[in-house]
Amino acid sequence: MPALTLNGHPVDLRMDAATPLLWGLRCGANLTGAKYGCGTGECGACMVMVDGQALPSCQITLAQAQGRSITTIEGLSNDRSHPLQQAMVAEGAIQCGFCTPGIVMAGAALLAANAEPSADDINKAVTNLCRCGVYPRLVRAIQRAGRVMRGLETIAAAPAPGGNTHQRSIP
């Protein structure tokens, strides 16, 4: 039973230690923000932070995660208040949303280490694939989040989860 710290809480996942962390998160902990994309660690859809470093969770077993601190998109901010989440919305850097959690986790890890990244720093650190092509807006969002983190800018809050006011009732 691999024991790890998941989003700040100790967790014992009752799964085979050879199971990829991605499946431990999705099936064992019911945290579905990390997505299965390529299964080879290339696309970044399953990116999480392991001891503060962005890593593809499809390439780490539960045995390798044992004793480590894992942060998922759900643990980064449960109310979407992280500056990068706010900046992604403000800059329109979210399209279909499939890759967004992995991108946010890679960007948040970069910002934790460097709150003033250049476009080149971002392109090297955030290698996630996005079929919608949000890359220019993504760079702007990460740099904007860095300014927010340095106290140089504020962002009006994005809508809270579940705040969809455009719902239609179907008779």
N, C-alpha and C. Protein backbone atom coordinates (compact mmCIF):
# COMPACT_ATOMS: atom_id res chain seq x y z
N MET A 1 0.84 -1.18 0.00
CA MET A 1 0.00 0.00 0.00
C MET A 1 0.88 1.25 0.00
N PRO A 2 1.05 1.87 -1.14
CA PRO A 2 1.85 3.08 -1.19
C PRO A 2 1.22 4.22 -0.40
N ALA A 3 2.00 4.81 0.49
CA ALA A 3 1.56 5.96 1.27
C ALA A 3 2.28 7.20 0.74
N LEU A 4 1.51 8.26 0.54
CA LEU A 4 2.09 9.49 0.04
C LEU A 4 1.29 10.66 0.59
N THR A 5 1.78 11.85 0.37
CA THR A 5 1.04 13.04 0.75
C THR A 5 0.40 13.58 -0.51
N LEU A 6 -0.90 13.63 -0.52
CA LEU A 6 -1.66 14.04 -1.69
C LEU A 6 -2.43 15.31 -1.37
N ASN A 7 -2.04 16.38 -2.04
CA ASN A 7 -2.67 17.69 -1.83
C ASN A 7 -2.68 18.07 -0.35
N GLY A 8 -1.55 17.78 0.30
CA GLY A 8 -1.37 18.16 1.70
C GLY A 8 -1.90 17.18 2.72
N HIS A 9 -2.47 16.07 2.28
CA HIS A 9 -3.06 15.09 3.19
C HIS A 9 -2.39 13.73 3.01
N PRO A 10 -2.09 13.04 4.13
CA PRO A 10 -1.52 11.69 3.98
C PRO A 10 -2.57 10.74 3.41
N VAL A 11 -2.13 9.92 2.46
CA VAL A 11 -3.04 9.01 1.78
C VAL A 11 -2.36 7.65 1.64
N ASP A 12 -3.11 6.58 1.91
CA ASP A 12 -2.67 5.22 1.63
C ASP A 12 -3.54 4.72 0.49
N LEU A 13 -2.94 4.55 -0.66
CA LEU A 13 -3.69 4.04 -1.80
C LEU A 13 -3.60 2.52 -1.80
N ARG A 14 -4.72 1.86 -1.70
CA ARG A 14 -4.77 0.40 -1.65
C ARG A 14 -4.78 -0.16 -3.07
N MET A 15 -3.65 0.04 -3.72
CA MET A 15 -3.50 -0.40 -5.10
C MET A 15 -2.11 -1.01 -5.25
N ASP A 16 -1.94 -1.78 -6.29
CA ASP A 16 -0.64 -2.37 -6.59
C ASP A 16 0.41 -1.27 -6.73
N ALA A 17 1.56 -1.44 -6.12
CA ALA A 17 2.62 -0.43 -6.14
C ALA A 17 3.16 -0.16 -7.53
N ALA A 18 2.95 -1.08 -8.47
CA ALA A 18 3.42 -0.89 -9.85
C ALA A 18 2.43 -0.07 -10.70
N THR A 19 1.30 0.29 -10.13
CA THR A 19 0.30 1.08 -10.83
C THR A 19 0.85 2.48 -11.09
N PRO A 20 0.66 3.01 -12.29
CA PRO A 20 1.07 4.39 -12.53
C PRO A 20 0.32 5.35 -11.60
N LEU A 21 1.02 6.37 -11.15
CA LEU A 21 0.44 7.37 -10.26
C LEU A 21 -0.85 7.94 -10.86
N LEU A 22 -0.87 8.16 -12.16
CA LEU A 22 -2.06 8.70 -12.82
C LEU A 22 -3.30 7.90 -12.45
N TRP A 23 -3.21 6.58 -12.53
CA TRP A 23 -4.37 5.74 -12.22
C TRP A 23 -4.65 5.70 -10.72
N GLY A 24 -3.61 5.84 -9.91
CA GLY A 24 -3.83 5.95 -8.47
C GLY A 24 -4.62 7.20 -8.14
N LEU A 25 -4.30 8.29 -8.83
CA LEU A 25 -5.02 9.55 -8.62
C LEU A 25 -6.46 9.44 -9.11
N ARG A 26 -6.62 8.97 -10.34
CA ARG A 26 -7.94 8.95 -10.96
C ARG A 26 -8.85 7.87 -10.37
N CYS A 27 -8.33 6.67 -10.18
CA CYS A 27 -9.17 5.55 -9.73
C CYS A 27 -9.12 5.34 -8.23
N GLY A 28 -7.97 5.56 -7.61
CA GLY A 28 -7.82 5.32 -6.18
C GLY A 28 -8.23 6.49 -5.32
N ALA A 29 -7.98 7.72 -5.82
CA ALA A 29 -8.27 8.91 -5.01
C ALA A 29 -9.42 9.73 -5.59
N ASN A 30 -9.97 9.31 -6.73
CA ASN A 30 -11.07 10.01 -7.39
C ASN A 30 -10.74 11.47 -7.72
N LEU A 31 -9.49 11.70 -8.08
CA LEU A 31 -9.05 13.03 -8.52
C LEU A 31 -8.83 12.94 -10.03
N THR A 32 -9.74 13.49 -10.79
CA THR A 32 -9.74 13.28 -12.24
C THR A 32 -9.21 14.45 -13.04
N GLY A 33 -8.58 15.42 -12.39
CA GLY A 33 -8.02 16.55 -13.12
C GLY A 33 -6.89 16.15 -14.05
N ALA A 34 -6.00 15.29 -13.60
CA ALA A 34 -4.93 14.78 -14.46
C ALA A 34 -5.56 13.84 -15.47
N LYS A 35 -5.27 14.06 -16.73
CA LYS A 35 -5.90 13.29 -17.80
C LYS A 35 -4.93 12.30 -18.42
N TYR A 36 -5.47 11.20 -18.96
CA TYR A 36 -4.66 10.28 -19.74
C TYR A 36 -4.64 10.81 -21.16
N GLY A 37 -3.43 11.03 -21.67
CA GLY A 37 -3.29 11.49 -23.05
C GLY A 37 -2.54 10.47 -23.87
N CYS A 38 -1.22 10.52 -23.77
CA CYS A 38 -0.39 9.65 -24.61
C CYS A 38 0.10 8.40 -23.89
N GLY A 39 0.21 8.45 -22.57
CA GLY A 39 0.72 7.31 -21.81
C GLY A 39 2.23 7.18 -21.86
N THR A 40 2.91 8.11 -22.51
CA THR A 40 4.37 8.05 -22.63
C THR A 40 5.06 9.25 -21.98
N GLY A 41 4.30 10.14 -21.36
CA GLY A 41 4.87 11.31 -20.71
C GLY A 41 5.19 12.46 -21.66
N GLU A 42 4.76 12.35 -22.90
CA GLU A 42 5.09 13.37 -23.91
C GLU A 42 4.11 14.53 -23.95
N CYS A 43 2.82 14.26 -23.72
CA CYS A 43 1.81 15.29 -23.97
C CYS A 43 1.58 16.23 -22.80
N GLY A 44 1.82 15.79 -21.57
CA GLY A 44 1.65 16.64 -20.40
C GLY A 44 0.24 16.70 -19.84
N ALA A 45 -0.70 15.97 -20.42
CA ALA A 45 -2.08 16.01 -19.93
C ALA A 45 -2.20 15.51 -18.49
N CYS A 46 -1.27 14.66 -18.07
CA CYS A 46 -1.33 14.07 -16.73
C CYS A 46 -0.38 14.74 -15.75
N MET A 47 0.13 15.92 -16.08
CA MET A 47 1.15 16.60 -15.26
C MET A 47 0.64 16.89 -13.85
N VAL A 48 1.47 16.57 -12.88
CA VAL A 48 1.23 16.90 -11.47
C VAL A 48 2.56 17.41 -10.91
N MET A 49 2.52 17.93 -9.71
CA MET A 49 3.77 18.31 -9.05
C MET A 49 4.15 17.22 -8.06
N VAL A 50 5.37 16.75 -8.16
CA VAL A 50 5.93 15.77 -7.25
C VAL A 50 7.06 16.46 -6.53
N ASP A 51 6.88 16.67 -5.22
CA ASP A 51 7.85 17.43 -4.43
C ASP A 51 8.18 18.77 -5.11
N GLY A 52 7.15 19.41 -5.68
CA GLY A 52 7.30 20.73 -6.29
C GLY A 52 7.76 20.74 -7.73
N GLN A 53 8.10 19.59 -8.28
CA GLN A 53 8.57 19.50 -9.66
C GLN A 53 7.46 18.95 -10.55
N ALA A 54 7.25 19.58 -11.71
CA ALA A 54 6.23 19.11 -12.64
C ALA A 54 6.70 17.82 -13.30
N LEU A 55 5.90 16.76 -13.15
CA LEU A 55 6.22 15.46 -13.73
C LEU A 55 4.96 14.81 -14.29
N PRO A 56 5.10 14.06 -15.38
CA PRO A 56 3.93 13.35 -15.92
C PRO A 56 3.59 12.15 -15.03
N SER A 57 2.38 12.13 -14.51
CA SER A 57 2.00 11.07 -13.56
C SER A 57 1.84 9.72 -14.22
N CYS A 58 1.80 9.66 -15.54
CA CYS A 58 1.71 8.36 -16.22
C CYS A 58 3.06 7.64 -16.21
N GLN A 59 4.13 8.35 -15.87
CA GLN A 59 5.47 7.78 -15.91
C GLN A 59 6.04 7.48 -14.53
N ILE A 60 5.25 7.68 -13.49
CA ILE A 60 5.68 7.45 -12.11
C ILE A 60 4.78 6.38 -11.51
N THR A 61 5.36 5.37 -10.93
CA THR A 61 4.54 4.35 -10.28
C THR A 61 4.18 4.80 -8.87
N LEU A 62 3.21 4.14 -8.30
CA LEU A 62 2.85 4.44 -6.92
C LEU A 62 4.03 4.14 -5.99
N ALA A 63 4.81 3.12 -6.32
CA ALA A 63 6.00 2.82 -5.51
C ALA A 63 6.98 3.99 -5.55
N GLN A 64 7.16 4.60 -6.72
CA GLN A 64 8.08 5.74 -6.85
C GLN A 64 7.51 6.99 -6.17
N ALA A 65 6.20 7.06 -6.04
CA ALA A 65 5.56 8.21 -5.40
C ALA A 65 5.50 8.06 -3.88
N GLN A 66 5.77 6.87 -3.39
CA GLN A 66 5.66 6.62 -1.95
C GLN A 66 6.56 7.58 -1.17
N GLY A 67 5.96 8.17 -0.13
CA GLY A 67 6.68 9.09 0.74
C GLY A 67 6.88 10.48 0.18
N ARG A 68 6.38 10.72 -1.02
CA ARG A 68 6.57 12.01 -1.66
C ARG A 68 5.31 12.86 -1.56
N SER A 69 5.47 14.15 -1.82
CA SER A 69 4.34 15.08 -1.79
C SER A 69 3.86 15.31 -3.22
N ILE A 70 2.60 14.97 -3.46
CA ILE A 70 1.99 15.09 -4.78
C ILE A 70 0.94 16.20 -4.71
N THR A 71 1.01 17.12 -5.68
CA THR A 71 -0.01 18.15 -5.79
C THR A 71 -0.66 18.03 -7.16
N THR A 72 -1.98 17.92 -7.16
CA THR A 72 -2.75 17.85 -8.40
C THR A 72 -3.43 19.20 -8.62
N ILE A 73 -4.08 19.34 -9.76
CA ILE A 73 -4.82 20.58 -10.04
C ILE A 73 -5.86 20.83 -8.95
N GLU A 74 -6.45 19.76 -8.42
CA GLU A 74 -7.45 19.91 -7.36
C GLU A 74 -6.83 20.47 -6.08
N GLY A 75 -5.55 20.18 -5.84
CA GLY A 75 -4.88 20.65 -4.63
C GLY A 75 -4.19 21.99 -4.81
N LEU A 76 -4.02 22.42 -6.05
CA LEU A 76 -3.38 23.71 -6.29
C LEU A 76 -4.27 24.82 -5.75
N SER A 77 -5.56 24.71 -6.00
CA SER A 77 -6.54 25.69 -5.53
C SER A 77 -7.93 25.13 -5.79
N ASN A 78 -8.66 24.89 -4.74
CA ASN A 78 -9.99 24.33 -4.95
C ASN A 78 -11.03 25.37 -5.34
N ASP A 79 -10.65 26.65 -5.29
CA ASP A 79 -11.60 27.71 -5.66
C ASP A 79 -11.10 28.53 -6.85
N ARG A 80 -10.13 28.00 -7.58
CA ARG A 80 -9.56 28.64 -8.77
C ARG A 80 -8.90 29.98 -8.47
N SER A 81 -8.39 30.15 -7.26
CA SER A 81 -7.80 31.42 -6.88
C SER A 81 -6.30 31.51 -7.14
N HIS A 82 -5.66 30.44 -7.57
CA HIS A 82 -4.23 30.51 -7.87
C HIS A 82 -4.04 31.53 -8.98
N PRO A 83 -3.03 32.38 -8.87
CA PRO A 83 -2.83 33.41 -9.90
C PRO A 83 -2.77 32.87 -11.33
N LEU A 84 -2.22 31.68 -11.53
CA LEU A 84 -2.16 31.16 -12.89
C LEU A 84 -3.54 30.74 -13.38
N GLN A 85 -4.35 30.18 -12.52
CA GLN A 85 -5.71 29.85 -12.92
C GLN A 85 -6.47 31.12 -13.31
N GLN A 86 -6.31 32.16 -12.52
CA GLN A 86 -6.98 33.43 -12.82
C GLN A 86 -6.47 34.01 -14.14
N ALA A 87 -5.16 33.97 -14.35
CA ALA A 87 -4.57 34.54 -15.56
C ALA A 87 -4.94 33.73 -16.80
N MET A 88 -5.06 32.42 -16.67
CA MET A 88 -5.46 31.59 -17.81
C MET A 88 -6.85 32.01 -18.29
N VAL A 89 -7.75 32.28 -17.37
CA VAL A 89 -9.09 32.73 -17.73
C VAL A 89 -9.02 34.14 -18.32
N ALA A 90 -8.32 35.04 -17.64
CA ALA A 90 -8.25 36.44 -18.08
C ALA A 90 -7.62 36.58 -19.46
N GLU A 91 -6.67 35.73 -19.79
CA GLU A 91 -5.99 35.82 -21.09
C GLU A 91 -6.65 34.95 -22.17
N GLY A 92 -7.74 34.28 -21.83
CA GLY A 92 -8.42 33.43 -22.80
C GLY A 92 -7.56 32.26 -23.24
N ALA A 93 -6.77 31.73 -22.32
CA ALA A 93 -5.83 30.64 -22.64
C ALA A 93 -6.42 29.27 -22.39
N ILE A 94 -7.73 29.19 -22.32
CA ILE A 94 -8.41 27.90 -22.14
C ILE A 94 -9.38 27.73 -23.29
N GLN A 95 -9.26 26.63 -23.98
CA GLN A 95 -10.20 26.34 -25.07
C GLN A 95 -11.03 25.12 -24.67
N CYS A 96 -10.66 23.95 -25.15
CA CYS A 96 -11.47 22.76 -24.85
C CYS A 96 -11.29 22.32 -23.40
N GLY A 97 -10.15 22.61 -22.79
CA GLY A 97 -9.94 22.31 -21.39
C GLY A 97 -9.26 20.99 -21.09
N PHE A 98 -9.10 20.11 -22.06
CA PHE A 98 -8.50 18.81 -21.79
C PHE A 98 -7.07 18.94 -21.28
N CYS A 99 -6.27 19.78 -21.90
CA CYS A 99 -4.87 19.92 -21.52
C CYS A 99 -4.66 20.91 -20.38
N THR A 100 -5.68 21.70 -20.07
CA THR A 100 -5.52 22.81 -19.13
C THR A 100 -4.97 22.40 -17.76
N PRO A 101 -5.46 21.36 -17.09
CA PRO A 101 -4.89 21.03 -15.78
C PRO A 101 -3.39 20.74 -15.84
N GLY A 102 -2.95 20.00 -16.86
CA GLY A 102 -1.52 19.71 -16.98
C GLY A 102 -0.71 20.95 -17.25
N ILE A 103 -1.23 21.83 -18.10
CA ILE A 103 -0.54 23.09 -18.40
C ILE A 103 -0.43 23.94 -17.14
N VAL A 104 -1.51 24.03 -16.40
CA VAL A 104 -1.51 24.83 -15.17
C VAL A 104 -0.49 24.27 -14.18
N MET A 105 -0.41 22.96 -14.05
CA MET A 105 0.53 22.37 -13.10
C MET A 105 1.98 22.62 -13.54
N ALA A 106 2.28 22.50 -14.82
CA ALA A 106 3.63 22.78 -15.31
C ALA A 106 3.96 24.26 -15.12
N GLY A 107 3.00 25.12 -15.43
CA GLY A 107 3.22 26.56 -15.26
C GLY A 107 3.37 26.96 -13.80
N ALA A 108 2.57 26.36 -12.93
CA ALA A 108 2.65 26.68 -11.49
C ALA A 108 4.00 26.24 -10.92
N ALA A 109 4.50 25.09 -11.36
CA ALA A 109 5.82 24.65 -10.89
C ALA A 109 6.90 25.63 -11.37
N LEU A 110 6.79 26.08 -12.61
CA LEU A 110 7.75 27.08 -13.12
C LEU A 110 7.68 28.36 -12.30
N LEU A 111 6.46 28.86 -12.07
CA LEU A 111 6.31 30.11 -11.33
C LEU A 111 6.78 30.00 -9.88
N ALA A 112 6.67 28.82 -9.29
CA ALA A 112 7.16 28.64 -7.92
C ALA A 112 8.68 28.78 -7.87
N ALA A 113 9.34 28.42 -8.96
CA ALA A 113 10.80 28.52 -9.03
C ALA A 113 11.27 29.85 -9.62
N ASN A 114 10.44 30.45 -10.48
CA ASN A 114 10.82 31.66 -11.20
C ASN A 114 9.57 32.47 -11.48
N ALA A 115 9.29 33.48 -10.66
CA ALA A 115 8.07 34.27 -10.80
C ALA A 115 8.19 35.33 -11.90
N GLU A 116 9.32 35.37 -12.59
CA GLU A 116 9.49 36.32 -13.68
C GLU A 116 10.08 35.61 -14.91
N PRO A 117 9.37 34.61 -15.42
CA PRO A 117 9.92 33.83 -16.53
C PRO A 117 9.83 34.56 -17.86
N SER A 118 10.84 34.37 -18.68
CA SER A 118 10.81 34.88 -20.04
C SER A 118 9.98 33.93 -20.89
N ALA A 119 9.65 34.34 -22.11
CA ALA A 119 8.93 33.45 -23.02
C ALA A 119 9.75 32.19 -23.27
N ASP A 120 11.06 32.33 -23.36
CA ASP A 120 11.93 31.17 -23.57
C ASP A 120 11.88 30.22 -22.37
N ASP A 121 11.89 30.80 -21.15
CA ASP A 121 11.78 29.97 -19.93
C ASP A 121 10.48 29.17 -19.96
N ILE A 122 9.40 29.83 -20.36
CA ILE A 122 8.10 29.17 -20.39
C ILE A 122 8.08 28.07 -21.44
N ASN A 123 8.59 28.36 -22.61
CA ASN A 123 8.61 27.35 -23.68
C ASN A 123 9.44 26.13 -23.32
N LYS A 124 10.47 26.32 -22.52
CA LYS A 124 11.30 25.19 -22.08
C LYS A 124 10.63 24.39 -20.97
N ALA A 125 9.93 25.08 -20.07
CA ALA A 125 9.35 24.42 -18.90
C ALA A 125 7.96 23.84 -19.14
N VAL A 126 7.19 24.46 -20.02
CA VAL A 126 5.82 24.03 -20.26
C VAL A 126 5.77 23.45 -21.68
N THR A 127 6.04 22.16 -21.77
CA THR A 127 6.13 21.48 -23.06
C THR A 127 4.84 20.73 -23.41
N ASN A 128 3.79 20.99 -22.65
CA ASN A 128 2.51 20.32 -22.85
C ASN A 128 1.97 20.56 -24.26
N LEU A 129 1.30 19.56 -24.79
CA LEU A 129 0.67 19.68 -26.10
C LEU A 129 -0.75 20.20 -25.93
N CYS A 130 -1.13 21.12 -26.81
CA CYS A 130 -2.48 21.68 -26.81
C CYS A 130 -2.96 21.70 -28.24
N ARG A 131 -3.97 20.89 -28.52
CA ARG A 131 -4.50 20.82 -29.89
C ARG A 131 -5.21 22.11 -30.28
N CYS A 132 -5.64 22.89 -29.33
CA CYS A 132 -6.35 24.14 -29.64
C CYS A 132 -5.37 25.27 -29.96
N GLY A 133 -4.10 25.12 -29.62
CA GLY A 133 -3.08 26.10 -29.98
C GLY A 133 -3.11 27.38 -29.16
N VAL A 134 -3.23 27.27 -27.86
CA VAL A 134 -3.30 28.46 -27.01
C VAL A 134 -1.92 29.02 -26.64
N TYR A 135 -0.87 28.57 -27.27
CA TYR A 135 0.49 28.88 -26.82
C TYR A 135 0.79 30.37 -26.63
N PRO A 136 0.47 31.27 -27.57
CA PRO A 136 0.78 32.69 -27.31
C PRO A 136 0.03 33.23 -26.09
N ARG A 137 -1.23 32.83 -25.94
CA ARG A 137 -2.01 33.28 -24.78
C ARG A 137 -1.50 32.62 -23.50
N LEU A 138 -1.00 31.41 -23.62
CA LEU A 138 -0.44 30.70 -22.47
C LEU A 138 0.79 31.44 -21.94
N VAL A 139 1.66 31.85 -22.83
CA VAL A 139 2.85 32.61 -22.42
C VAL A 139 2.42 33.88 -21.71
N ARG A 140 1.46 34.60 -22.29
CA ARG A 140 0.97 35.84 -21.66
C ARG A 140 0.38 35.54 -20.28
N ALA A 141 -0.38 34.44 -20.17
CA ALA A 141 -1.02 34.09 -18.90
C ALA A 141 0.02 33.78 -17.82
N ILE A 142 1.04 33.02 -18.17
CA ILE A 142 2.06 32.68 -17.18
C ILE A 142 2.83 33.92 -16.76
N GLN A 143 3.16 34.78 -17.71
CA GLN A 143 3.87 36.01 -17.34
C GLN A 143 2.98 36.92 -16.50
N ARG A 144 1.69 36.97 -16.83
CA ARG A 144 0.77 37.79 -16.04
C ARG A 144 0.63 37.23 -14.63
N ALA A 145 0.53 35.93 -14.50
CA ALA A 145 0.44 35.31 -13.17
C ALA A 145 1.70 35.63 -12.37
N GLY A 146 2.85 35.64 -13.02
CA GLY A 146 4.09 36.01 -12.34
C GLY A 146 4.03 37.43 -11.81
N ARG A 147 3.47 38.34 -12.60
CA ARG A 147 3.33 39.73 -12.13
C ARG A 147 2.40 39.80 -10.93
N VAL A 148 1.32 39.02 -10.97
CA VAL A 148 0.39 38.97 -9.83
C VAL A 148 1.12 38.44 -8.60
N MET A 149 1.90 37.38 -8.77
CA MET A 149 2.62 36.78 -7.65
C MET A 149 3.66 37.75 -7.07
N ARG A 150 4.19 38.62 -7.91
CA ARG A 150 5.18 39.60 -7.44
C ARG A 150 4.52 40.87 -6.92
N GLY A 151 3.17 40.92 -6.92
CA GLY A 151 2.45 42.07 -6.40
C GLY A 151 2.40 43.26 -7.34
N LEU A 152 2.67 43.04 -8.63
CA LEU A 152 2.69 44.13 -9.60
C LEU A 152 1.36 44.34 -10.30
N GLU A 153 0.45 43.39 -10.15
CA GLU A 153 -0.81 43.42 -10.88
C GLU A 153 -1.84 42.62 -10.11
N THR A 154 -3.09 42.90 -10.34
CA THR A 154 -4.19 42.10 -9.80
C THR A 154 -5.07 41.66 -10.97
N ILE A 155 -5.83 40.63 -10.74
CA ILE A 155 -6.76 40.12 -11.74
C ILE A 155 -8.12 40.01 -11.06
N ALA A 156 -9.15 40.51 -11.73
CA ALA A 156 -10.51 40.32 -11.21
C ALA A 156 -10.78 38.82 -11.22
N ALA A 157 -11.37 38.34 -10.17
CA ALA A 157 -11.58 36.89 -10.00
C ALA A 157 -12.40 36.29 -11.12
N ALA A 158 -11.99 35.10 -11.53
CA ALA A 158 -12.76 34.32 -12.48
C ALA A 158 -13.98 33.76 -11.77
N PRO A 159 -15.00 33.39 -12.51
CA PRO A 159 -16.20 32.82 -11.87
C PRO A 159 -15.86 31.59 -11.05
N ALA A 160 -16.56 31.44 -9.95
CA ALA A 160 -16.39 30.27 -9.09
C ALA A 160 -16.93 29.03 -9.79
N PRO A 161 -16.43 27.86 -9.42
CA PRO A 161 -16.95 26.62 -10.02
C PRO A 161 -18.46 26.53 -9.85
N GLY A 162 -19.11 26.06 -10.90
CA GLY A 162 -20.56 25.88 -10.84
C GLY A 162 -21.35 27.16 -11.03
N GLY A 163 -20.68 28.24 -11.39
CA GLY A 163 -21.36 29.53 -11.53
C GLY A 163 -21.88 29.78 -12.93
N ASN A 164 -22.25 28.76 -13.66
CA ASN A 164 -22.75 28.92 -15.02
C ASN A 164 -24.12 29.57 -14.97
N THR A 165 -24.19 30.81 -15.45
CA THR A 165 -25.47 31.54 -15.43
C THR A 165 -26.16 31.44 -16.78
N HIS A 166 -25.58 30.71 -17.72
CA HIS A 166 -26.16 30.62 -19.05
C HIS A 166 -26.87 29.28 -19.26
N GLN A 167 -27.40 28.70 -18.21
CA GLN A 167 -28.08 27.42 -18.34
C GLN A 167 -29.48 27.64 -18.89
N ARG A 168 -29.88 26.77 -19.76
CA ARG A 168 -31.24 26.82 -20.29
C ARG A 168 -32.04 25.70 -19.64
N SER A 169 -33.26 26.01 -19.38
CA SER A 169 -34.13 24.93 -18.89
C SER A 169 -34.78 24.29 -20.09
N ILE A 170 -34.85 22.99 -20.06
CA ILE A 170 -35.46 22.24 -21.16
C ILE A 170 -36.81 21.77 -20.67
N PRO A 171 -37.87 22.14 -21.41
CA PRO A 171 -39.22 21.77 -20.96
C PRO A 171 -39.46 20.28 -20.99
